[in-house]
């Protein structure tokens, strides 16, 4: 039996509020966004918004939990369950996912970390613990699997998996700063970078190793 309409509306409110918050943060930045603005965008009273989110900081954290953390969690599960080789996984699910990031809500969070993170270290710490740390662990596991199976050689990437996603950061920065001057094909940039990284990582047969 379907839930009553008023009950469905109540259940949907937190998601509607976080969507409105994401739009407000994207437009105004974190510091300049007012809770009143978010409430107005969401079509709720400020008092009702505070019923779900006590502070603007809680609202920002909810945006991270709703729009950013699930992508990392989803890919981490796929890494654990996949029977693909490390190279095939990077060329397949990993590449497909990171190509979506420059135009996803993640770009808003990255941009705010660039511009305002130094003023809000608690939010940076929250983003680190709930997104970045898990992403780095997932990529280390993936690279480590490739080294263990003999696909990849041991290299600096073992300890610096950030190298795999560096073009995503560049893409977000470029779109924010230089897009009017020179549009960047972020798909091509990311694809080319991953191909170069795989060429760097893959074990090559020893020269003169025989037939």
N, C-alpha and C. Protein backbone atom coordinates (compact mmCIF):
# COMPACT_ATOMS: atom_id res chain seq x y z
N UNK A 1 0.85 -1.20 0.00
CA UNK A 1 0.00 0.00 0.00
C UNK A 1 0.88 1.25 0.00
N UNK A 2 0.58 2.16 -0.90
CA UNK A 2 1.39 3.38 -0.99
C UNK A 2 1.19 4.26 0.23
N UNK A 3 2.27 4.96 0.60
CA UNK A 3 2.20 5.88 1.73
C UNK A 3 1.30 7.06 1.37
N UNK A 4 0.58 7.62 2.36
CA UNK A 4 -0.24 8.81 2.08
C UNK A 4 0.60 9.92 1.49
N UNK A 5 -0.02 10.76 0.66
CA UNK A 5 0.69 11.83 -0.04
C UNK A 5 1.42 12.75 0.92
N UNK A 6 0.78 13.11 2.05
CA UNK A 6 1.44 14.02 2.98
C UNK A 6 2.66 13.37 3.61
N UNK A 7 2.60 12.01 3.78
CA UNK A 7 3.74 11.31 4.36
C UNK A 7 4.90 11.27 3.37
N UNK A 8 4.57 11.03 2.08
CA UNK A 8 5.63 11.02 1.07
C UNK A 8 6.28 12.40 1.00
N UNK A 9 5.49 13.44 1.06
CA UNK A 9 6.03 14.80 1.01
C UNK A 9 6.98 15.05 2.17
N UNK A 10 6.61 14.59 3.36
CA UNK A 10 7.46 14.77 4.53
C UNK A 10 8.77 14.02 4.37
N UNK A 11 8.69 12.81 3.82
CA UNK A 11 9.89 11.99 3.63
C UNK A 11 10.83 12.61 2.60
N UNK A 12 10.26 13.33 1.64
CA UNK A 12 11.07 13.91 0.56
C UNK A 12 11.72 15.23 0.96
N UNK A 13 11.28 15.83 2.04
CA UNK A 13 11.75 17.18 2.37
C UNK A 13 13.27 17.26 2.59
N UNK A 14 13.90 16.34 3.34
CA UNK A 14 15.36 16.48 3.52
C UNK A 14 16.11 16.49 2.19
N UNK A 15 15.69 15.63 1.25
CA UNK A 15 16.36 15.60 -0.06
C UNK A 15 16.12 16.90 -0.82
N UNK A 16 14.90 17.44 -0.73
CA UNK A 16 14.60 18.70 -1.41
C UNK A 16 15.41 19.84 -0.82
N UNK A 17 15.60 19.82 0.49
CA UNK A 17 16.38 20.87 1.15
C UNK A 17 17.85 20.78 0.77
N UNK A 18 18.39 19.56 0.73
CA UNK A 18 19.81 19.42 0.36
C UNK A 18 20.03 19.79 -1.10
N UNK A 19 19.07 19.51 -1.96
CA UNK A 19 19.19 19.94 -3.37
C UNK A 19 19.20 21.46 -3.46
N UNK A 20 18.34 22.09 -2.69
CA UNK A 20 18.31 23.56 -2.67
C UNK A 20 19.60 24.12 -2.11
N UNK A 21 20.14 23.46 -1.09
CA UNK A 21 21.40 23.91 -0.49
C UNK A 21 22.54 23.80 -1.49
N UNK A 22 22.60 22.70 -2.22
CA UNK A 22 23.64 22.53 -3.23
C UNK A 22 23.58 23.66 -4.25
N UNK A 23 22.38 23.98 -4.72
CA UNK A 23 22.22 25.07 -5.69
C UNK A 23 22.65 26.41 -5.10
N UNK A 24 22.30 26.65 -3.84
CA UNK A 24 22.68 27.91 -3.20
C UNK A 24 24.19 28.01 -3.00
N UNK A 25 24.81 26.92 -2.56
CA UNK A 25 26.26 26.92 -2.36
C UNK A 25 26.98 27.11 -3.69
N UNK A 26 26.45 26.50 -4.75
CA UNK A 26 27.06 26.64 -6.07
C UNK A 26 26.99 28.08 -6.55
N UNK A 27 25.88 28.74 -6.28
CA UNK A 27 25.68 30.10 -6.77
C UNK A 27 26.40 31.15 -5.92
N UNK A 28 26.36 30.97 -4.59
CA UNK A 28 26.83 32.03 -3.69
C UNK A 28 28.09 31.71 -2.90
N UNK A 29 28.52 30.43 -2.90
CA UNK A 29 29.61 30.05 -2.00
C UNK A 29 29.05 29.68 -0.63
N UNK A 30 29.92 29.15 0.21
CA UNK A 30 29.45 28.70 1.52
C UNK A 30 29.15 29.88 2.45
N UNK A 31 30.12 30.78 2.61
CA UNK A 31 29.96 31.86 3.59
C UNK A 31 28.79 32.77 3.25
N UNK A 32 28.58 33.04 1.95
CA UNK A 32 27.54 34.00 1.55
C UNK A 32 26.15 33.38 1.49
N UNK A 33 26.06 32.07 1.58
CA UNK A 33 24.75 31.43 1.55
C UNK A 33 24.07 31.57 2.91
N UNK A 34 22.84 32.01 2.90
CA UNK A 34 22.06 32.14 4.13
C UNK A 34 21.04 31.01 4.20
N UNK A 35 20.75 30.58 5.40
CA UNK A 35 19.76 29.54 5.59
C UNK A 35 18.41 29.98 5.02
N UNK A 36 18.10 31.28 5.14
CA UNK A 36 16.86 31.81 4.57
C UNK A 36 16.78 31.54 3.07
N UNK A 37 17.93 31.72 2.38
CA UNK A 37 17.97 31.50 0.94
C UNK A 37 17.66 30.04 0.60
N UNK A 38 18.25 29.13 1.37
CA UNK A 38 18.04 27.71 1.13
C UNK A 38 16.58 27.35 1.37
N UNK A 39 16.02 27.85 2.47
CA UNK A 39 14.62 27.56 2.78
C UNK A 39 13.70 28.05 1.66
N UNK A 40 13.99 29.24 1.15
CA UNK A 40 13.15 29.82 0.09
C UNK A 40 13.25 28.96 -1.18
N UNK A 41 14.45 28.53 -1.52
CA UNK A 41 14.63 27.67 -2.70
C UNK A 41 13.89 26.34 -2.54
N UNK A 42 13.91 25.83 -1.32
CA UNK A 42 13.27 24.53 -1.07
C UNK A 42 11.77 24.65 -0.88
N UNK A 43 11.28 25.87 -0.75
CA UNK A 43 9.84 26.07 -0.56
C UNK A 43 9.36 25.68 0.82
N UNK A 44 10.24 25.88 1.82
CA UNK A 44 9.86 25.58 3.21
C UNK A 44 10.19 26.78 4.07
N UNK A 45 9.64 26.80 5.27
CA UNK A 45 9.96 27.87 6.20
C UNK A 45 11.34 27.62 6.82
N UNK A 46 11.95 28.69 7.31
CA UNK A 46 13.25 28.54 7.97
C UNK A 46 13.12 27.64 9.19
N UNK A 47 12.01 27.77 9.90
CA UNK A 47 11.80 26.93 11.07
C UNK A 47 11.73 25.46 10.73
N UNK A 48 11.09 25.13 9.60
CA UNK A 48 11.01 23.74 9.18
C UNK A 48 12.38 23.22 8.76
N UNK A 49 13.14 24.07 8.07
CA UNK A 49 14.50 23.66 7.68
C UNK A 49 15.32 23.31 8.91
N UNK A 50 15.22 24.15 9.95
CA UNK A 50 15.98 23.91 11.18
C UNK A 50 15.52 22.65 11.90
N UNK A 51 14.33 22.19 11.58
CA UNK A 51 13.85 20.95 12.16
C UNK A 51 14.68 19.77 11.66
N UNK A 52 15.18 19.89 10.41
CA UNK A 52 15.97 18.83 9.82
C UNK A 52 17.48 19.08 9.96
N UNK A 53 17.88 20.32 9.87
CA UNK A 53 19.30 20.69 9.89
C UNK A 53 19.48 21.86 10.85
N UNK A 54 20.17 21.62 11.94
CA UNK A 54 20.26 22.62 13.01
C UNK A 54 21.14 23.82 12.66
N UNK A 55 22.13 23.60 11.78
CA UNK A 55 23.05 24.67 11.42
C UNK A 55 23.36 24.61 9.93
N UNK A 56 23.95 25.67 9.42
CA UNK A 56 24.38 25.66 8.01
C UNK A 56 25.48 24.64 7.80
N UNK A 57 26.31 24.43 8.81
CA UNK A 57 27.37 23.42 8.72
C UNK A 57 26.76 22.03 8.54
N UNK A 58 25.71 21.72 9.31
CA UNK A 58 25.04 20.43 9.15
C UNK A 58 24.46 20.29 7.75
N UNK A 59 23.96 21.37 7.22
CA UNK A 59 23.39 21.37 5.88
C UNK A 59 24.46 21.07 4.83
N UNK A 60 25.62 21.68 5.00
CA UNK A 60 26.72 21.44 4.06
C UNK A 60 27.19 19.99 4.14
N UNK A 61 27.26 19.47 5.35
CA UNK A 61 27.66 18.07 5.52
C UNK A 61 26.63 17.14 4.89
N UNK A 62 25.36 17.51 4.98
CA UNK A 62 24.32 16.70 4.36
C UNK A 62 24.46 16.69 2.84
N UNK A 63 24.89 17.81 2.27
CA UNK A 63 25.14 17.86 0.82
C UNK A 63 26.26 16.88 0.46
N UNK A 64 27.32 16.85 1.26
CA UNK A 64 28.41 15.91 1.01
C UNK A 64 27.91 14.47 1.10
N UNK A 65 27.13 14.18 2.14
CA UNK A 65 26.62 12.82 2.32
C UNK A 65 25.67 12.41 1.18
N UNK A 66 24.93 13.37 0.66
CA UNK A 66 23.91 13.05 -0.34
C UNK A 66 24.47 12.96 -1.76
N UNK A 67 25.41 13.86 -2.10
CA UNK A 67 25.80 13.99 -3.50
C UNK A 67 27.22 13.56 -3.81
N UNK A 68 28.06 13.40 -2.80
CA UNK A 68 29.46 13.10 -3.05
C UNK A 68 29.86 11.73 -2.51
N UNK A 69 29.67 11.53 -1.22
CA UNK A 69 30.11 10.28 -0.58
C UNK A 69 29.55 9.03 -1.26
N UNK A 70 28.28 9.00 -1.69
CA UNK A 70 27.76 7.77 -2.31
C UNK A 70 28.53 7.32 -3.54
N UNK A 71 29.08 8.25 -4.33
CA UNK A 71 29.85 7.86 -5.52
C UNK A 71 31.08 7.08 -5.13
N UNK A 72 31.78 7.55 -4.10
CA UNK A 72 32.98 6.85 -3.64
C UNK A 72 32.60 5.50 -3.04
N UNK A 73 31.54 5.47 -2.25
CA UNK A 73 31.10 4.22 -1.63
C UNK A 73 30.71 3.19 -2.68
N UNK A 74 30.01 3.65 -3.69
CA UNK A 74 29.57 2.74 -4.76
C UNK A 74 30.76 2.14 -5.49
N UNK A 75 31.74 2.97 -5.83
CA UNK A 75 32.91 2.46 -6.55
C UNK A 75 33.74 1.54 -5.66
N UNK A 76 33.83 1.85 -4.36
CA UNK A 76 34.58 1.00 -3.44
C UNK A 76 33.98 -0.40 -3.38
N UNK A 77 32.65 -0.48 -3.37
CA UNK A 77 31.98 -1.79 -3.35
C UNK A 77 32.28 -2.54 -4.64
N UNK A 78 32.25 -1.82 -5.77
CA UNK A 78 32.52 -2.47 -7.06
C UNK A 78 33.96 -2.98 -7.10
N UNK A 79 34.91 -2.21 -6.56
CA UNK A 79 36.30 -2.65 -6.50
C UNK A 79 36.40 -3.96 -5.73
N UNK A 80 35.74 -4.03 -4.59
CA UNK A 80 35.81 -5.23 -3.74
C UNK A 80 35.18 -6.44 -4.41
N UNK A 81 34.13 -6.23 -5.20
CA UNK A 81 33.38 -7.35 -5.75
C UNK A 81 33.81 -7.73 -7.17
N UNK A 82 34.50 -6.84 -7.85
CA UNK A 82 34.83 -7.06 -9.26
C UNK A 82 35.90 -8.15 -9.43
N UNK A 83 35.74 -8.92 -10.50
CA UNK A 83 36.74 -9.92 -10.87
C UNK A 83 37.59 -9.43 -12.04
N UNK A 84 37.40 -8.17 -12.44
CA UNK A 84 38.21 -7.60 -13.50
C UNK A 84 39.65 -7.45 -13.05
N UNK A 85 40.57 -7.50 -14.00
CA UNK A 85 41.96 -7.17 -13.68
C UNK A 85 42.02 -5.70 -13.30
N UNK A 86 43.10 -5.32 -12.63
CA UNK A 86 43.25 -3.92 -12.21
C UNK A 86 43.23 -2.98 -13.42
N UNK A 87 43.92 -3.38 -14.50
CA UNK A 87 43.94 -2.53 -15.70
C UNK A 87 42.55 -2.41 -16.30
N UNK A 88 41.84 -3.53 -16.44
CA UNK A 88 40.50 -3.48 -17.02
C UNK A 88 39.53 -2.68 -16.15
N UNK A 89 39.71 -2.77 -14.84
CA UNK A 89 38.84 -1.99 -13.95
C UNK A 89 39.10 -0.50 -14.12
N UNK A 90 40.37 -0.12 -14.21
CA UNK A 90 40.70 1.30 -14.38
C UNK A 90 40.19 1.81 -15.73
N UNK A 91 40.35 1.01 -16.78
CA UNK A 91 39.86 1.42 -18.10
C UNK A 91 38.33 1.44 -18.16
N UNK A 92 37.68 0.62 -17.33
CA UNK A 92 36.23 0.49 -17.38
C UNK A 92 35.51 1.30 -16.32
N UNK A 93 35.09 0.67 -15.21
CA UNK A 93 34.28 1.38 -14.20
C UNK A 93 34.94 2.62 -13.62
N UNK A 94 36.26 2.55 -13.37
CA UNK A 94 36.93 3.70 -12.76
C UNK A 94 36.93 4.90 -13.71
N UNK A 95 37.33 4.67 -14.96
CA UNK A 95 37.37 5.76 -15.93
C UNK A 95 35.97 6.33 -16.18
N UNK A 96 34.98 5.46 -16.30
CA UNK A 96 33.62 5.93 -16.53
C UNK A 96 33.14 6.84 -15.41
N UNK A 97 33.47 6.46 -14.17
CA UNK A 97 33.02 7.26 -13.03
C UNK A 97 33.73 8.61 -12.97
N UNK A 98 35.06 8.62 -13.10
CA UNK A 98 35.76 9.89 -12.91
C UNK A 98 35.47 10.87 -14.05
N UNK A 99 35.09 10.36 -15.22
CA UNK A 99 34.72 11.26 -16.31
C UNK A 99 33.45 12.05 -16.00
N UNK A 100 32.62 11.52 -15.11
CA UNK A 100 31.39 12.24 -14.76
C UNK A 100 31.64 13.36 -13.75
N UNK A 101 32.77 13.33 -13.07
CA UNK A 101 32.97 14.23 -11.92
C UNK A 101 33.05 15.72 -12.26
N UNK A 102 33.73 16.13 -13.35
CA UNK A 102 33.84 17.57 -13.60
C UNK A 102 32.50 18.28 -13.79
N UNK A 103 31.44 17.55 -14.16
CA UNK A 103 30.13 18.17 -14.34
C UNK A 103 29.12 17.68 -13.30
N UNK A 104 29.59 17.05 -12.25
CA UNK A 104 28.72 16.53 -11.21
C UNK A 104 28.70 17.49 -10.01
N UNK A 105 27.83 17.25 -9.02
CA UNK A 105 27.83 18.10 -7.82
C UNK A 105 29.17 18.14 -7.10
N UNK A 106 30.00 17.14 -7.34
CA UNK A 106 31.32 17.12 -6.69
C UNK A 106 32.12 18.37 -7.05
N UNK A 107 31.91 18.89 -8.26
CA UNK A 107 32.68 20.07 -8.68
C UNK A 107 32.40 21.25 -7.77
N UNK A 108 31.16 21.34 -7.27
CA UNK A 108 30.80 22.44 -6.37
C UNK A 108 31.58 22.34 -5.07
N UNK A 109 31.64 21.13 -4.52
CA UNK A 109 32.34 20.92 -3.26
C UNK A 109 33.84 21.18 -3.43
N UNK A 110 34.42 20.65 -4.50
CA UNK A 110 35.85 20.88 -4.75
C UNK A 110 36.14 22.37 -4.87
N UNK A 111 35.28 23.07 -5.61
CA UNK A 111 35.47 24.51 -5.80
C UNK A 111 35.42 25.24 -4.47
N UNK A 112 34.49 24.86 -3.61
CA UNK A 112 34.36 25.51 -2.31
C UNK A 112 35.54 25.17 -1.40
N UNK A 113 36.07 23.95 -1.53
CA UNK A 113 37.26 23.60 -0.76
C UNK A 113 38.44 24.48 -1.19
N UNK A 114 38.55 24.72 -2.51
CA UNK A 114 39.59 25.62 -3.02
C UNK A 114 39.46 27.02 -2.43
N UNK A 115 38.26 27.57 -2.55
CA UNK A 115 38.08 28.99 -2.28
C UNK A 115 37.85 29.32 -0.81
N UNK A 116 37.21 28.41 -0.06
CA UNK A 116 36.81 28.76 1.30
C UNK A 116 37.26 27.77 2.37
N UNK A 117 37.90 26.70 1.94
CA UNK A 117 38.28 25.68 2.90
C UNK A 117 39.18 26.17 4.02
N UNK A 118 40.07 27.11 3.69
CA UNK A 118 41.01 27.61 4.70
C UNK A 118 40.28 28.35 5.83
N UNK A 119 39.06 28.82 5.56
CA UNK A 119 38.29 29.52 6.59
C UNK A 119 37.40 28.56 7.39
N UNK A 120 37.25 27.33 6.90
CA UNK A 120 36.35 26.38 7.54
C UNK A 120 37.04 25.02 7.65
N UNK A 121 38.07 24.93 8.47
CA UNK A 121 38.84 23.68 8.56
C UNK A 121 38.02 22.49 9.03
N UNK A 122 36.96 22.74 9.80
CA UNK A 122 36.12 21.64 10.25
C UNK A 122 35.40 20.99 9.07
N UNK A 123 35.00 21.79 8.09
CA UNK A 123 34.34 21.23 6.91
C UNK A 123 35.33 20.49 6.03
N UNK A 124 36.55 21.00 5.94
CA UNK A 124 37.60 20.31 5.19
C UNK A 124 37.87 18.95 5.83
N UNK A 125 37.95 18.93 7.15
CA UNK A 125 38.19 17.67 7.87
C UNK A 125 37.05 16.69 7.62
N UNK A 126 35.82 17.19 7.62
CA UNK A 126 34.67 16.32 7.37
C UNK A 126 34.74 15.75 5.95
N UNK A 127 35.07 16.57 4.98
CA UNK A 127 35.19 16.10 3.59
C UNK A 127 36.32 15.09 3.47
N UNK A 128 37.41 15.34 4.16
CA UNK A 128 38.54 14.41 4.14
C UNK A 128 38.12 13.05 4.69
N UNK A 129 37.49 13.04 5.85
CA UNK A 129 37.15 11.78 6.52
C UNK A 129 36.06 11.01 5.78
N UNK A 130 35.13 11.70 5.14
CA UNK A 130 33.98 11.03 4.55
C UNK A 130 34.09 10.80 3.04
N UNK A 131 35.05 11.47 2.40
CA UNK A 131 35.18 11.31 0.96
C UNK A 131 36.62 11.00 0.56
N UNK A 132 37.52 11.94 0.80
CA UNK A 132 38.87 11.85 0.25
C UNK A 132 39.62 10.64 0.79
N UNK A 133 39.58 10.43 2.10
CA UNK A 133 40.31 9.31 2.69
C UNK A 133 39.83 7.98 2.12
N UNK A 134 38.52 7.82 1.98
CA UNK A 134 37.97 6.58 1.43
C UNK A 134 38.35 6.40 -0.04
N UNK A 135 38.36 7.51 -0.78
CA UNK A 135 38.74 7.43 -2.20
C UNK A 135 40.20 7.01 -2.35
N UNK A 136 41.07 7.57 -1.52
CA UNK A 136 42.49 7.20 -1.58
C UNK A 136 42.69 5.75 -1.20
N UNK A 137 41.98 5.28 -0.18
CA UNK A 137 42.09 3.88 0.23
C UNK A 137 41.62 2.95 -0.89
N UNK A 138 40.53 3.32 -1.55
CA UNK A 138 40.01 2.52 -2.64
C UNK A 138 41.02 2.44 -3.79
N UNK A 139 41.63 3.57 -4.14
CA UNK A 139 42.60 3.58 -5.24
C UNK A 139 43.88 2.85 -4.87
N UNK A 140 44.32 2.97 -3.61
CA UNK A 140 45.49 2.22 -3.16
C UNK A 140 45.24 0.72 -3.26
N UNK A 141 44.03 0.31 -2.88
CA UNK A 141 43.68 -1.12 -2.95
C UNK A 141 43.72 -1.59 -4.40
N UNK A 142 43.20 -0.77 -5.30
CA UNK A 142 43.16 -1.13 -6.72
C UNK A 142 44.57 -1.23 -7.30
N UNK A 143 45.41 -0.24 -7.02
CA UNK A 143 46.79 -0.27 -7.50
C UNK A 143 47.53 -1.44 -6.87
N UNK A 144 47.34 -1.65 -5.56
CA UNK A 144 48.00 -2.75 -4.88
C UNK A 144 47.62 -4.10 -5.46
N UNK A 145 46.38 -4.24 -5.87
CA UNK A 145 45.95 -5.49 -6.50
C UNK A 145 46.72 -5.72 -7.79
N UNK A 146 46.88 -4.64 -8.57
CA UNK A 146 47.63 -4.76 -9.81
C UNK A 146 49.08 -5.14 -9.59
N UNK A 147 49.69 -4.59 -8.55
CA UNK A 147 51.09 -4.93 -8.22
C UNK A 147 51.17 -6.38 -7.77
N UNK A 148 50.21 -6.80 -6.94
CA UNK A 148 50.23 -8.16 -6.40
C UNK A 148 50.07 -9.22 -7.50
N UNK A 149 49.28 -8.90 -8.53
CA UNK A 149 49.06 -9.87 -9.62
C UNK A 149 50.12 -9.78 -10.71
N UNK A 150 51.04 -8.83 -10.58
CA UNK A 150 52.10 -8.70 -11.57
C UNK A 150 51.73 -7.85 -12.77
N UNK A 151 50.55 -7.24 -12.76
CA UNK A 151 50.17 -6.34 -13.86
C UNK A 151 50.96 -5.05 -13.82
N UNK A 152 51.10 -4.51 -12.61
CA UNK A 152 51.73 -3.21 -12.42
C UNK A 152 53.05 -3.37 -11.69
N UNK A 153 53.96 -2.48 -11.99
CA UNK A 153 55.19 -2.42 -11.22
C UNK A 153 54.97 -1.54 -10.00
N UNK A 154 55.78 -1.77 -8.99
CA UNK A 154 55.72 -0.90 -7.82
C UNK A 154 56.28 0.47 -8.20
N UNK A 155 55.58 1.54 -7.79
CA UNK A 155 56.00 2.88 -8.19
C UNK A 155 55.49 3.89 -7.17
N UNK A 156 55.74 5.16 -7.46
CA UNK A 156 55.27 6.23 -6.58
C UNK A 156 53.75 6.25 -6.47
N UNK A 157 53.06 5.70 -7.48
CA UNK A 157 51.60 5.70 -7.46
C UNK A 157 51.07 4.84 -6.30
N UNK A 158 51.87 3.87 -5.84
CA UNK A 158 51.46 3.06 -4.69
C UNK A 158 51.11 3.94 -3.50
N UNK A 159 51.90 4.98 -3.29
CA UNK A 159 51.71 5.87 -2.15
C UNK A 159 51.03 7.17 -2.52
N UNK A 160 50.95 7.45 -3.80
CA UNK A 160 50.31 8.69 -4.25
C UNK A 160 49.24 8.40 -5.30
N UNK A 161 48.17 7.70 -4.90
CA UNK A 161 47.11 7.41 -5.88
C UNK A 161 46.40 8.66 -6.37
N UNK A 162 46.66 9.80 -5.72
CA UNK A 162 46.11 11.07 -6.21
C UNK A 162 46.46 11.31 -7.67
N UNK A 163 47.58 10.70 -8.12
CA UNK A 163 48.00 10.88 -9.50
C UNK A 163 46.93 10.39 -10.49
N UNK A 164 46.14 9.40 -10.07
CA UNK A 164 45.12 8.87 -10.97
C UNK A 164 44.00 9.88 -11.23
N UNK A 165 43.69 10.70 -10.24
CA UNK A 165 42.54 11.60 -10.40
C UNK A 165 42.95 13.07 -10.54
N UNK A 166 44.23 13.33 -10.71
CA UNK A 166 44.67 14.72 -10.83
C UNK A 166 44.01 15.47 -11.98
N UNK A 167 43.69 14.83 -13.12
CA UNK A 167 43.03 15.61 -14.19
C UNK A 167 41.61 16.05 -13.82
N UNK A 168 40.98 15.36 -12.86
CA UNK A 168 39.66 15.80 -12.41
C UNK A 168 39.77 17.15 -11.71
N UNK A 169 40.78 17.27 -10.86
CA UNK A 169 40.99 18.54 -10.15
C UNK A 169 41.30 19.65 -11.14
N UNK A 170 42.18 19.36 -12.11
CA UNK A 170 42.50 20.34 -13.14
C UNK A 170 41.25 20.74 -13.92
N UNK A 171 40.41 19.77 -14.24
CA UNK A 171 39.19 20.04 -15.01
C UNK A 171 38.26 20.98 -14.26
N UNK A 172 38.08 20.73 -12.96
CA UNK A 172 37.21 21.59 -12.16
C UNK A 172 37.78 23.00 -12.10
N UNK A 173 39.08 23.11 -11.87
CA UNK A 173 39.73 24.42 -11.81
C UNK A 173 39.61 25.15 -13.15
N UNK A 174 39.88 24.43 -14.23
CA UNK A 174 39.86 25.05 -15.56
C UNK A 174 38.46 25.55 -15.91
N UNK A 175 37.45 24.73 -15.65
CA UNK A 175 36.08 25.13 -15.95
C UNK A 175 35.66 26.37 -15.16
N UNK A 176 36.17 26.46 -13.94
CA UNK A 176 35.82 27.59 -13.09
C UNK A 176 36.52 28.88 -13.52
N UNK A 177 37.77 28.77 -13.96
CA UNK A 177 38.58 29.96 -14.19
C UNK A 177 38.70 30.34 -15.67
N UNK A 178 38.94 29.36 -16.54
CA UNK A 178 39.31 29.66 -17.92
C UNK A 178 38.31 29.20 -18.97
N UNK A 179 37.15 28.72 -18.58
CA UNK A 179 36.24 28.11 -19.55
C UNK A 179 35.81 29.09 -20.64
N UNK A 180 35.66 30.37 -20.32
CA UNK A 180 35.25 31.36 -21.33
C UNK A 180 36.37 31.61 -22.34
N UNK A 181 37.60 31.49 -21.87
CA UNK A 181 38.75 31.74 -22.76
C UNK A 181 39.08 30.52 -23.62
N UNK A 182 38.94 29.33 -23.03
CA UNK A 182 39.32 28.11 -23.75
C UNK A 182 38.59 26.92 -23.15
N UNK A 183 37.62 26.39 -23.90
CA UNK A 183 36.86 25.24 -23.41
C UNK A 183 37.74 24.00 -23.42
N UNK A 184 37.69 23.27 -22.32
CA UNK A 184 38.52 22.08 -22.17
C UNK A 184 37.68 20.83 -22.38
N UNK A 185 38.15 19.93 -23.23
CA UNK A 185 37.49 18.63 -23.41
C UNK A 185 37.93 17.74 -22.25
N UNK A 186 37.14 17.75 -21.18
CA UNK A 186 37.56 17.04 -19.96
C UNK A 186 37.55 15.53 -20.16
N UNK A 187 36.64 15.00 -20.98
CA UNK A 187 36.65 13.56 -21.25
C UNK A 187 37.96 13.14 -21.88
N UNK A 188 38.39 13.89 -22.90
CA UNK A 188 39.63 13.55 -23.58
C UNK A 188 40.83 13.71 -22.66
N UNK A 189 40.82 14.77 -21.85
CA UNK A 189 41.91 14.98 -20.89
C UNK A 189 42.03 13.79 -19.95
N UNK A 190 40.92 13.37 -19.37
CA UNK A 190 40.94 12.28 -18.39
C UNK A 190 41.31 10.96 -19.05
N UNK A 191 40.74 10.69 -20.24
CA UNK A 191 41.07 9.45 -20.96
C UNK A 191 42.56 9.38 -21.28
N UNK A 192 43.12 10.49 -21.75
CA UNK A 192 44.53 10.53 -22.12
C UNK A 192 45.41 10.34 -20.90
N UNK A 193 45.04 10.97 -19.80
CA UNK A 193 45.82 10.85 -18.58
C UNK A 193 45.80 9.40 -18.06
N UNK A 194 44.64 8.76 -18.06
CA UNK A 194 44.56 7.37 -17.59
C UNK A 194 45.39 6.46 -18.48
N UNK A 195 45.34 6.69 -19.78
CA UNK A 195 46.16 5.88 -20.70
C UNK A 195 47.65 6.06 -20.38
N UNK A 196 48.06 7.30 -20.14
CA UNK A 196 49.47 7.56 -19.80
C UNK A 196 49.84 6.90 -18.47
N UNK A 197 48.95 6.96 -17.48
CA UNK A 197 49.22 6.35 -16.18
C UNK A 197 49.35 4.84 -16.32
N UNK A 198 48.49 4.22 -17.11
CA UNK A 198 48.56 2.77 -17.30
C UNK A 198 49.85 2.38 -18.01
N UNK A 199 50.25 3.17 -18.99
CA UNK A 199 51.53 2.89 -19.67
C UNK A 199 52.69 3.00 -18.70
N UNK A 200 52.59 3.91 -17.75
CA UNK A 200 53.62 4.06 -16.72
C UNK A 200 53.61 2.88 -15.74
N UNK A 201 52.42 2.41 -15.40
CA UNK A 201 52.28 1.40 -14.35
C UNK A 201 52.55 -0.03 -14.83
N UNK A 202 52.22 -0.30 -16.09
CA UNK A 202 52.26 -1.69 -16.54
C UNK A 202 53.68 -2.25 -16.58
N UNK A 203 53.79 -3.51 -16.17
CA UNK A 203 55.07 -4.21 -16.23
C UNK A 203 55.39 -4.52 -17.68
N UNK A 204 56.61 -4.21 -18.10
CA UNK A 204 57.03 -4.49 -19.46
C UNK A 204 57.98 -5.69 -19.47
N UNK A 205 57.89 -6.51 -20.51
CA UNK A 205 58.84 -7.63 -20.60
C UNK A 205 60.27 -7.11 -20.65
N UNK A 206 61.15 -7.82 -19.98
CA UNK A 206 62.56 -7.41 -19.98
C UNK A 206 63.13 -7.47 -21.39
N UNK A 207 63.95 -6.48 -21.73
CA UNK A 207 64.59 -6.46 -23.05
C UNK A 207 65.48 -7.69 -23.20
N UNK A 208 65.39 -8.33 -24.37
CA UNK A 208 66.23 -9.50 -24.60
C UNK A 208 65.82 -10.69 -23.78
N UNK A 209 64.52 -10.69 -23.39
CA UNK A 209 64.05 -11.76 -22.51
C UNK A 209 63.74 -13.05 -23.23
N UNK A 210 64.02 -13.13 -24.48
CA UNK A 210 63.77 -14.38 -25.21
C UNK A 210 62.47 -14.33 -25.96
N UNK A 211 62.18 -15.42 -26.61
CA UNK A 211 60.99 -15.50 -27.45
C UNK A 211 59.76 -15.75 -26.58
